[in-house]
Amino acid sequence: MGNENIPVEFFLSKLAESKVHFERALDCKHTEFDDLYPYMIEHPQFFWYKRYVAWSELLTIVKLCNELEIDWESQFTAQQVEYIHQRVMSSKVLDYWFETNDSKEHVG
């Protein structure tokens, strides 16, 4: 398909935003989702659902990048790229998303 008329920077910024959104959801930090559904905080499944929504958003942006032949993988670690290719938000993704080669501490 190619990306001749598509502003690549736009998609890369949306990719970065969705990555931050997912990472904030993993850390149980405030996201836009909290503002949209403030009543959900009272329900135990809230954090799972919040993470699922953020993961779905990230996969959608990645899918668009793939279709437009925009390199998205350079924005992630090799392990994160593997998780994204697998598409399933498993406990492995939740537990090891922030893992680096040097440590298991979360990034930033």
N, C-alpha and C. Protein backbone atom coordinates (compact mmCIF):
# COMPACT_ATOMS: atom_id res chain seq x y z
N MET A 1 0.81 -1.19 0.00
CA MET A 1 0.00 0.00 0.00
C MET A 1 0.86 1.26 0.00
N GLY A 2 1.92 1.34 0.76
CA GLY A 2 2.78 2.52 0.78
C GLY A 2 2.19 3.64 1.61
N ASN A 3 3.02 4.62 1.91
CA ASN A 3 2.56 5.72 2.76
C ASN A 3 2.87 7.08 2.15
N GLU A 4 2.79 7.20 0.82
CA GLU A 4 3.16 8.41 0.12
C GLU A 4 2.42 9.65 0.63
N ASN A 5 1.13 9.53 0.92
CA ASN A 5 0.32 10.67 1.33
C ASN A 5 -0.02 10.67 2.81
N ILE A 6 0.58 9.79 3.55
CA ILE A 6 0.28 9.66 4.97
C ILE A 6 1.40 10.32 5.77
N PRO A 7 1.06 11.22 6.69
CA PRO A 7 2.11 11.81 7.53
C PRO A 7 2.63 10.78 8.54
N VAL A 8 3.79 10.26 8.29
CA VAL A 8 4.38 9.21 9.13
C VAL A 8 4.51 9.71 10.57
N GLU A 9 4.89 10.97 10.74
CA GLU A 9 5.06 11.52 12.08
C GLU A 9 3.77 11.44 12.89
N PHE A 10 2.63 11.63 12.22
CA PHE A 10 1.35 11.54 12.88
C PHE A 10 1.14 10.16 13.49
N PHE A 11 1.40 9.12 12.70
CA PHE A 11 1.20 7.77 13.19
C PHE A 11 2.22 7.41 14.27
N LEU A 12 3.45 7.89 14.13
CA LEU A 12 4.45 7.61 15.16
C LEU A 12 4.09 8.31 16.46
N SER A 13 3.51 9.50 16.38
CA SER A 13 3.10 10.18 17.61
C SER A 13 1.91 9.45 18.25
N LYS A 14 0.99 8.96 17.44
CA LYS A 14 -0.15 8.19 17.96
C LYS A 14 0.34 6.88 18.57
N LEU A 15 1.35 6.27 17.96
CA LEU A 15 1.94 5.05 18.49
C LEU A 15 2.57 5.32 19.85
N ALA A 16 3.32 6.41 19.95
CA ALA A 16 3.95 6.78 21.22
C ALA A 16 2.90 7.04 22.29
N GLU A 17 1.83 7.74 21.92
CA GLU A 17 0.75 8.02 22.87
C GLU A 17 0.08 6.73 23.35
N SER A 18 -0.16 5.80 22.43
CA SER A 18 -0.82 4.56 22.83
C SER A 18 0.11 3.70 23.68
N LYS A 19 1.40 3.77 23.43
CA LYS A 19 2.36 3.03 24.26
C LYS A 19 2.35 3.60 25.68
N VAL A 20 2.39 4.91 25.80
CA VAL A 20 2.35 5.56 27.12
C VAL A 20 1.03 5.22 27.83
N HIS A 21 -0.07 5.26 27.08
CA HIS A 21 -1.38 4.94 27.65
C HIS A 21 -1.38 3.52 28.22
N PHE A 22 -0.86 2.56 27.45
CA PHE A 22 -0.80 1.18 27.92
C PHE A 22 0.09 1.06 29.15
N GLU A 23 1.25 1.71 29.11
CA GLU A 23 2.18 1.61 30.24
C GLU A 23 1.60 2.27 31.50
N ARG A 24 0.89 3.36 31.34
CA ARG A 24 0.23 3.98 32.49
C ARG A 24 -0.87 3.06 33.04
N ALA A 25 -1.59 2.39 32.14
CA ALA A 25 -2.61 1.45 32.58
C ALA A 25 -1.98 0.27 33.34
N LEU A 26 -0.83 -0.21 32.84
CA LEU A 26 -0.12 -1.29 33.54
C LEU A 26 0.27 -0.88 34.95
N ASP A 27 0.70 0.37 35.08
CA ASP A 27 1.15 0.88 36.38
C ASP A 27 0.00 1.38 37.25
N CYS A 28 -1.23 1.21 36.76
CA CYS A 28 -2.43 1.66 37.48
C CYS A 28 -2.40 3.17 37.73
N LYS A 29 -1.84 3.90 36.78
CA LYS A 29 -1.82 5.36 36.86
C LYS A 29 -3.02 5.92 36.11
N HIS A 30 -3.27 7.19 36.34
CA HIS A 30 -4.41 7.86 35.72
C HIS A 30 -4.25 7.90 34.20
N THR A 31 -5.33 7.59 33.49
CA THR A 31 -5.37 7.70 32.03
C THR A 31 -6.68 8.37 31.64
N GLU A 32 -6.81 8.65 30.37
CA GLU A 32 -8.04 9.23 29.84
C GLU A 32 -9.25 8.34 30.15
N PHE A 33 -9.03 7.05 30.20
CA PHE A 33 -10.10 6.09 30.49
C PHE A 33 -10.75 6.39 31.85
N ASP A 34 -9.94 6.81 32.83
CA ASP A 34 -10.48 7.14 34.15
C ASP A 34 -11.48 8.28 34.08
N ASP A 35 -11.21 9.25 33.20
CA ASP A 35 -12.11 10.39 33.05
C ASP A 35 -13.40 9.98 32.33
N LEU A 36 -13.28 9.04 31.40
CA LEU A 36 -14.45 8.61 30.63
C LEU A 36 -15.40 7.75 31.46
N TYR A 37 -14.82 6.94 32.35
CA TYR A 37 -15.63 5.99 33.14
C TYR A 37 -15.26 6.07 34.62
N PRO A 38 -15.48 7.22 35.26
CA PRO A 38 -15.05 7.36 36.66
C PRO A 38 -15.72 6.38 37.62
N TYR A 39 -16.92 5.94 37.31
CA TYR A 39 -17.63 5.00 38.17
C TYR A 39 -16.97 3.62 38.18
N MET A 40 -16.17 3.32 37.17
CA MET A 40 -15.54 2.00 37.07
C MET A 40 -14.52 1.76 38.18
N ILE A 41 -13.97 2.83 38.75
CA ILE A 41 -12.95 2.68 39.78
C ILE A 41 -13.48 1.85 40.95
N GLU A 42 -14.78 1.89 41.16
CA GLU A 42 -15.40 1.18 42.27
C GLU A 42 -15.51 -0.33 42.01
N HIS A 43 -15.25 -0.77 40.81
CA HIS A 43 -15.43 -2.17 40.46
C HIS A 43 -14.08 -2.89 40.36
N PRO A 44 -14.01 -4.10 40.90
CA PRO A 44 -12.74 -4.83 40.92
C PRO A 44 -12.15 -5.12 39.54
N GLN A 45 -12.98 -5.27 38.55
CA GLN A 45 -12.47 -5.59 37.22
C GLN A 45 -11.97 -4.37 36.47
N PHE A 46 -12.06 -3.20 37.11
CA PHE A 46 -11.70 -1.95 36.44
C PHE A 46 -10.30 -1.98 35.85
N PHE A 47 -9.29 -2.34 36.63
CA PHE A 47 -7.91 -2.26 36.15
C PHE A 47 -7.64 -3.25 35.02
N TRP A 48 -8.28 -4.40 35.09
CA TRP A 48 -8.14 -5.35 33.99
C TRP A 48 -8.74 -4.77 32.72
N TYR A 49 -9.93 -4.22 32.84
CA TYR A 49 -10.61 -3.67 31.67
C TYR A 49 -9.85 -2.47 31.13
N LYS A 50 -9.34 -1.62 31.99
CA LYS A 50 -8.55 -0.45 31.59
C LYS A 50 -7.31 -0.90 30.79
N ARG A 51 -6.66 -1.93 31.24
CA ARG A 51 -5.48 -2.46 30.53
C ARG A 51 -5.88 -3.06 29.19
N TYR A 52 -6.99 -3.76 29.17
CA TYR A 52 -7.48 -4.35 27.92
C TYR A 52 -7.76 -3.26 26.88
N VAL A 53 -8.40 -2.19 27.29
CA VAL A 53 -8.71 -1.08 26.38
C VAL A 53 -7.42 -0.47 25.84
N ALA A 54 -6.45 -0.23 26.71
CA ALA A 54 -5.18 0.36 26.29
C ALA A 54 -4.42 -0.58 25.35
N TRP A 55 -4.45 -1.88 25.64
CA TRP A 55 -3.79 -2.89 24.79
C TRP A 55 -4.44 -2.91 23.41
N SER A 56 -5.76 -2.87 23.38
CA SER A 56 -6.48 -2.87 22.10
C SER A 56 -6.13 -1.64 21.27
N GLU A 57 -6.03 -0.51 21.93
CA GLU A 57 -5.65 0.73 21.24
C GLU A 57 -4.25 0.59 20.64
N LEU A 58 -3.33 0.06 21.42
CA LEU A 58 -1.96 -0.12 20.94
C LEU A 58 -1.93 -1.06 19.73
N LEU A 59 -2.65 -2.17 19.81
CA LEU A 59 -2.69 -3.12 18.68
C LEU A 59 -3.31 -2.49 17.44
N THR A 60 -4.29 -1.64 17.62
CA THR A 60 -4.94 -0.98 16.49
C THR A 60 -3.97 -0.04 15.78
N ILE A 61 -3.23 0.73 16.55
CA ILE A 61 -2.24 1.65 15.96
C ILE A 61 -1.15 0.86 15.25
N VAL A 62 -0.69 -0.22 15.86
CA VAL A 62 0.32 -1.08 15.24
C VAL A 62 -0.21 -1.65 13.93
N LYS A 63 -1.46 -2.10 13.92
CA LYS A 63 -2.05 -2.66 12.71
C LYS A 63 -2.07 -1.61 11.59
N LEU A 64 -2.45 -0.38 11.92
CA LEU A 64 -2.44 0.69 10.92
C LEU A 64 -1.03 0.96 10.42
N CYS A 65 -0.06 0.98 11.33
CA CYS A 65 1.34 1.18 10.92
C CYS A 65 1.78 0.07 9.97
N ASN A 66 1.42 -1.17 10.27
CA ASN A 66 1.77 -2.28 9.39
C ASN A 66 1.16 -2.09 8.00
N GLU A 67 -0.12 -1.75 7.96
CA GLU A 67 -0.80 -1.57 6.68
C GLU A 67 -0.22 -0.43 5.87
N LEU A 68 0.29 0.60 6.56
CA LEU A 68 0.86 1.76 5.88
C LEU A 68 2.38 1.64 5.70
N GLU A 69 2.91 0.48 6.10
CA GLU A 69 4.34 0.20 5.98
C GLU A 69 5.18 1.22 6.74
N ILE A 70 4.73 1.55 7.95
CA ILE A 70 5.45 2.46 8.84
C ILE A 70 6.15 1.61 9.90
N ASP A 71 7.45 1.84 10.07
CA ASP A 71 8.21 1.07 11.05
C ASP A 71 7.78 1.47 12.46
N TRP A 72 7.19 0.55 13.16
CA TRP A 72 6.77 0.80 14.54
C TRP A 72 7.65 0.05 15.53
N GLU A 73 8.31 -1.00 15.07
CA GLU A 73 9.05 -1.88 15.97
C GLU A 73 10.21 -1.18 16.67
N SER A 74 10.79 -0.17 16.04
CA SER A 74 11.93 0.52 16.65
C SER A 74 11.53 1.29 17.91
N GLN A 75 10.25 1.45 18.15
CA GLN A 75 9.76 2.17 19.33
C GLN A 75 9.64 1.27 20.56
N PHE A 76 9.94 -0.03 20.39
CA PHE A 76 9.74 -1.00 21.45
C PHE A 76 10.97 -1.87 21.63
N THR A 77 11.06 -2.53 22.78
CA THR A 77 12.12 -3.51 22.96
C THR A 77 11.78 -4.75 22.14
N ALA A 78 12.76 -5.61 21.93
CA ALA A 78 12.53 -6.84 21.17
C ALA A 78 11.45 -7.70 21.85
N GLN A 79 11.48 -7.76 23.17
CA GLN A 79 10.49 -8.55 23.90
C GLN A 79 9.09 -7.96 23.72
N GLN A 80 8.98 -6.63 23.78
CA GLN A 80 7.68 -5.98 23.59
C GLN A 80 7.15 -6.22 22.18
N VAL A 81 8.03 -6.18 21.19
CA VAL A 81 7.63 -6.46 19.81
C VAL A 81 7.06 -7.88 19.71
N GLU A 82 7.72 -8.82 20.37
CA GLU A 82 7.23 -10.21 20.36
C GLU A 82 5.84 -10.30 20.99
N TYR A 83 5.64 -9.61 22.12
CA TYR A 83 4.31 -9.61 22.75
C TYR A 83 3.26 -9.04 21.81
N ILE A 84 3.60 -7.96 21.14
CA ILE A 84 2.65 -7.31 20.22
C ILE A 84 2.33 -8.25 19.06
N HIS A 85 3.34 -8.92 18.53
CA HIS A 85 3.09 -9.88 17.43
C HIS A 85 2.18 -11.02 17.89
N GLN A 86 2.29 -11.42 19.15
CA GLN A 86 1.44 -12.49 19.67
C GLN A 86 0.02 -12.01 19.90
N ARG A 87 -0.17 -10.72 20.06
CA ARG A 87 -1.46 -10.04 20.17
C ARG A 87 -2.25 -10.33 21.44
N VAL A 88 -1.90 -11.33 22.20
CA VAL A 88 -2.66 -11.69 23.38
C VAL A 88 -2.08 -10.98 24.60
N MET A 89 -2.94 -10.28 25.33
CA MET A 89 -2.47 -9.62 26.55
C MET A 89 -2.48 -10.66 27.68
N SER A 90 -1.43 -11.43 27.72
CA SER A 90 -1.31 -12.50 28.70
C SER A 90 -0.70 -11.96 30.00
N SER A 91 -0.65 -12.82 31.01
CA SER A 91 -0.01 -12.42 32.26
C SER A 91 1.48 -12.14 32.03
N LYS A 92 2.07 -12.79 31.04
CA LYS A 92 3.46 -12.54 30.70
C LYS A 92 3.66 -11.09 30.28
N VAL A 93 2.75 -10.58 29.46
CA VAL A 93 2.81 -9.18 29.03
C VAL A 93 2.68 -8.26 30.24
N LEU A 94 1.72 -8.55 31.09
CA LEU A 94 1.48 -7.71 32.27
C LEU A 94 2.67 -7.73 33.22
N ASP A 95 3.29 -8.89 33.38
CA ASP A 95 4.39 -9.03 34.34
C ASP A 95 5.75 -8.57 33.81
N TYR A 96 5.98 -8.72 32.49
CA TYR A 96 7.33 -8.49 31.96
C TYR A 96 7.43 -7.41 30.90
N TRP A 97 6.40 -6.62 30.70
CA TRP A 97 6.44 -5.56 29.68
C TRP A 97 7.64 -4.64 29.88
N PHE A 98 7.93 -4.28 31.12
CA PHE A 98 8.99 -3.32 31.41
C PHE A 98 10.37 -3.95 31.53
N GLU A 99 10.46 -5.27 31.44
CA GLU A 99 11.74 -5.96 31.61
C GLU A 99 12.73 -5.54 30.53
N THR A 100 13.96 -5.30 30.96
CA THR A 100 15.04 -5.00 30.02
C THR A 100 16.09 -6.08 30.15
N ASN A 101 17.09 -6.05 29.29
CA ASN A 101 18.17 -7.03 29.35
C ASN A 101 18.98 -6.89 30.63
N ASP A 102 19.06 -5.65 31.17
CA ASP A 102 19.89 -5.38 32.32
C ASP A 102 19.20 -5.67 33.65
N SER A 103 17.90 -5.46 33.71
CA SER A 103 17.20 -5.62 34.98
C SER A 103 15.72 -5.89 34.75
N LYS A 104 15.04 -6.17 35.82
CA LYS A 104 13.60 -6.36 35.73
C LYS A 104 12.85 -5.13 36.24
N GLU A 105 13.58 -4.04 36.45
CA GLU A 105 12.95 -2.80 36.90
C GLU A 105 12.19 -2.19 35.74
N HIS A 106 11.12 -1.51 36.08
CA HIS A 106 10.32 -0.91 35.02
C HIS A 106 10.95 0.39 34.54
N VAL A 107 10.73 0.69 33.29
CA VAL A 107 11.34 1.83 32.62
C VAL A 107 10.60 3.10 33.04
N GLY A 108 11.36 4.11 33.44
CA GLY A 108 10.84 5.45 33.75
C GLY A 108 9.75 5.41 34.67
